[in-house]
Amino acid sequence: MSVKTTNLAETFLTFWDLAKDKPVSEQVSLWKAHYAEPHRNVLDFYQQHYNDLNAPPEEVFARYPDVVPNTRTVSASAGTAITESVKKCAAALGVAETQGHHIVMVGRFSSNAWADVFEDVPTCFYALELTPDVAYAGAYGGPRNGSRAAS
């Protein structure tokens, strides 16, 4: 069984390595050139359906330093983890072959994961900037980055 996974997060990490110490105006230009434009089809779909376009870039980019370490970790193993999960689910359901696409990405803090039909293919999207152990735990007062809260 083959599982199609596209990892846009690696491109995001390249963008962030270039942009992290730059002024917001340069970050916006680098975002467009190194991340948005190469993945225009995915990011247009994301912006049309799932993105809060009202969030100013300076607010969005100010949040990335907190999530980049976890994004690096999760991105490195995402393809393998998704393939293993899909195979386990298919086996449990008695399905010999699956159709679909999995896209690992970094968005603008407006949605963590969703499924939709993208380019006529059932697709699962995983937005790593809102993975639970970083963004949600921190947003709701819980432990961050896998650490345990003090008792």
Protein backbone atom coordinates (compact mmCIF):
# COMPACT_ATOMS: atom_id res chain seq x y z
CA MET A 1 0.00 0.00 0.00
CA SER A 2 1.42 3.38 -0.90
CA VAL A 3 0.51 6.47 1.08
CA LYS A 4 1.02 9.84 -0.59
CA THR A 5 2.40 12.46 1.80
CA THR A 6 3.64 15.90 0.84
CA ASN A 7 5.69 17.73 3.46
CA LEU A 8 5.49 21.50 3.01
CA ALA A 9 6.81 22.00 6.56
CA GLU A 10 10.36 21.41 5.36
CA THR A 11 9.99 24.36 2.97
CA PHE A 12 8.54 26.44 5.80
CA LEU A 13 11.57 25.63 7.96
CA THR A 14 13.88 26.78 5.17
CA PHE A 15 11.86 30.01 4.95
CA TRP A 16 12.04 30.50 8.72
CA ASP A 17 15.79 29.94 8.84
CA LEU A 18 16.11 32.80 6.33
CA ALA A 19 13.48 35.06 7.93
CA LYS A 20 13.72 34.62 11.70
CA ASP A 21 16.00 37.60 12.37
CA LYS A 22 14.56 39.91 9.71
CA PRO A 23 12.03 42.75 10.02
CA VAL A 24 8.41 41.79 9.38
CA SER A 25 8.39 43.43 5.94
CA GLU A 26 11.27 41.18 4.86
CA GLN A 27 9.65 38.16 6.50
CA VAL A 28 6.53 38.76 4.41
CA SER A 29 8.60 38.92 1.22
CA LEU A 30 10.53 35.79 2.16
CA TRP A 31 7.27 33.99 3.07
CA LYS A 32 5.88 34.74 -0.36
CA ALA A 33 9.05 33.81 -2.26
CA HIS A 34 10.16 30.73 -0.32
CA TYR A 35 6.93 29.24 1.01
CA ALA A 36 3.69 30.66 -0.39
CA GLU A 37 4.60 30.82 -4.05
CA PRO A 38 6.15 27.33 -4.33
CA HIS A 39 3.01 25.90 -2.67
CA ARG A 40 0.47 28.31 -4.14
CA ASN A 41 -2.19 25.65 -4.79
CA VAL A 42 -2.20 24.40 -1.18
CA LEU A 43 -1.93 27.81 0.48
CA ASP A 44 -4.64 29.33 -1.74
CA PHE A 45 -6.94 26.48 -0.71
CA TYR A 46 -5.98 26.96 2.95
CA GLN A 47 -6.59 30.70 2.82
CA GLN A 48 -9.90 30.28 1.05
CA HIS A 49 -11.29 27.73 3.51
CA TYR A 50 -9.40 27.68 6.80
CA ASN A 51 -7.23 30.75 7.38
CA ASP A 52 -7.95 33.83 9.43
CA LEU A 53 -6.87 36.47 6.92
CA ASN A 54 -7.40 39.19 9.51
CA ALA A 55 -4.39 38.13 11.56
CA PRO A 56 -1.62 40.67 10.88
CA PRO A 57 1.69 39.17 9.68
CA GLU A 58 3.58 40.66 12.63
CA GLU A 59 1.36 38.72 15.04
CA VAL A 60 1.65 35.50 13.07
CA PHE A 61 5.42 35.70 12.57
CA ALA A 62 5.95 36.61 16.24
CA ARG A 63 4.46 33.24 17.22
CA TYR A 64 6.63 31.05 14.98
CA PRO A 65 9.74 30.99 17.25
CA ASP A 66 7.69 29.14 19.89
CA VAL A 67 6.61 26.40 17.51
CA VAL A 68 9.62 25.93 15.22
CA PRO A 69 11.43 23.41 17.49
CA ASN A 70 8.40 21.12 17.63
CA THR A 71 7.73 21.68 13.92
CA ARG A 72 11.26 20.47 13.14
CA THR A 73 10.79 17.35 15.24
CA VAL A 74 7.35 16.45 13.94
CA SER A 75 8.17 17.29 10.33
CA ALA A 76 11.17 14.96 10.33
CA SER A 77 9.03 11.94 11.19
CA ALA A 78 5.66 12.95 9.72
CA GLY A 79 5.83 10.87 6.55
CA THR A 80 6.70 7.68 8.39
CA ALA A 81 4.14 8.30 11.14
CA ILE A 82 1.35 9.01 8.66
CA THR A 83 2.18 5.93 6.56
CA GLU A 84 2.21 3.68 9.64
CA SER A 85 -1.08 5.15 10.91
CA VAL A 86 -2.84 4.78 7.55
CA LYS A 87 -1.67 1.17 7.23
CA LYS A 88 -2.87 0.34 10.77
CA CYS A 89 -6.27 1.93 10.11
CA ALA A 90 -6.61 0.16 6.77
CA ALA A 91 -5.76 -3.17 8.38
CA ALA A 92 -8.22 -2.60 11.21
CA LEU A 93 -10.96 -1.77 8.70
CA GLY A 94 -10.05 -4.60 6.34
CA VAL A 95 -9.19 -2.20 3.52
CA ALA A 96 -6.59 -3.42 1.02
CA GLU A 97 -5.81 -0.05 -0.57
CA THR A 98 -6.49 3.53 0.41
CA GLN A 99 -6.85 6.62 -1.70
CA GLY A 100 -6.00 10.03 -0.51
CA HIS A 101 -3.27 12.49 0.10
CA HIS A 102 -1.71 13.81 3.31
CA ILE A 103 -0.23 17.30 3.42
CA VAL A 104 2.01 18.36 6.29
CA MET A 105 2.30 22.14 6.44
CA VAL A 106 2.66 25.24 8.56
CA GLY A 107 -0.13 27.77 8.38
CA ARG A 108 -1.09 30.94 10.22
CA PHE A 109 -2.42 29.56 13.52
CA SER A 110 -6.01 29.17 12.43
CA SER A 111 -6.53 25.41 12.09
CA ASN A 112 -4.59 22.38 13.27
CA ALA A 113 -5.83 19.53 11.07
CA TRP A 114 -8.71 18.94 8.74
CA ALA A 115 -9.85 16.79 5.85
CA ASP A 116 -11.31 18.01 2.60
CA VAL A 117 -11.37 17.23 -1.08
CA PHE A 118 -8.37 19.02 -2.57
CA GLU A 119 -7.75 18.88 -6.31
CA ASP A 120 -10.39 16.12 -6.58
CA VAL A 121 -8.60 13.90 -4.03
CA PRO A 122 -9.62 13.23 -0.41
CA THR A 123 -6.88 14.97 1.56
CA CYS A 124 -5.83 15.22 5.19
CA PHE A 125 -4.03 18.42 6.15
CA TYR A 126 -1.82 18.68 9.24
CA ALA A 127 -0.82 22.22 10.27
CA LEU A 128 2.18 21.73 12.55
CA GLU A 129 2.11 25.18 14.12
CA LEU A 130 -0.91 24.05 16.14
CA THR A 131 0.18 20.62 17.23
CA PRO A 132 -1.32 19.98 20.67
CA ASP A 133 1.78 19.68 22.82
CA VAL A 134 3.03 23.11 21.80
CA ALA A 135 0.30 25.53 20.82
CA TYR A 136 -2.76 24.15 22.57
CA ALA A 137 -1.07 23.22 25.82
CA GLY A 138 0.53 26.66 25.99
CA ALA A 139 -2.67 28.44 24.99
CA TYR A 140 -4.68 26.67 27.65
CA GLY A 141 -2.17 26.83 30.48
CA GLY A 142 -0.89 23.28 30.24
CA PRO A 143 2.67 22.02 29.86
CA ARG A 144 4.55 23.06 26.70
CA ASN A 145 6.95 21.11 24.49
CA GLY A 146 6.31 17.84 26.27
CA SER A 147 7.34 19.14 29.70
CA ARG A 148 5.34 18.32 32.79
CA ALA A 149 3.75 21.00 34.89
CA ALA A 150 5.05 21.28 38.43
CA SER A 151 2.85 19.64 41.05
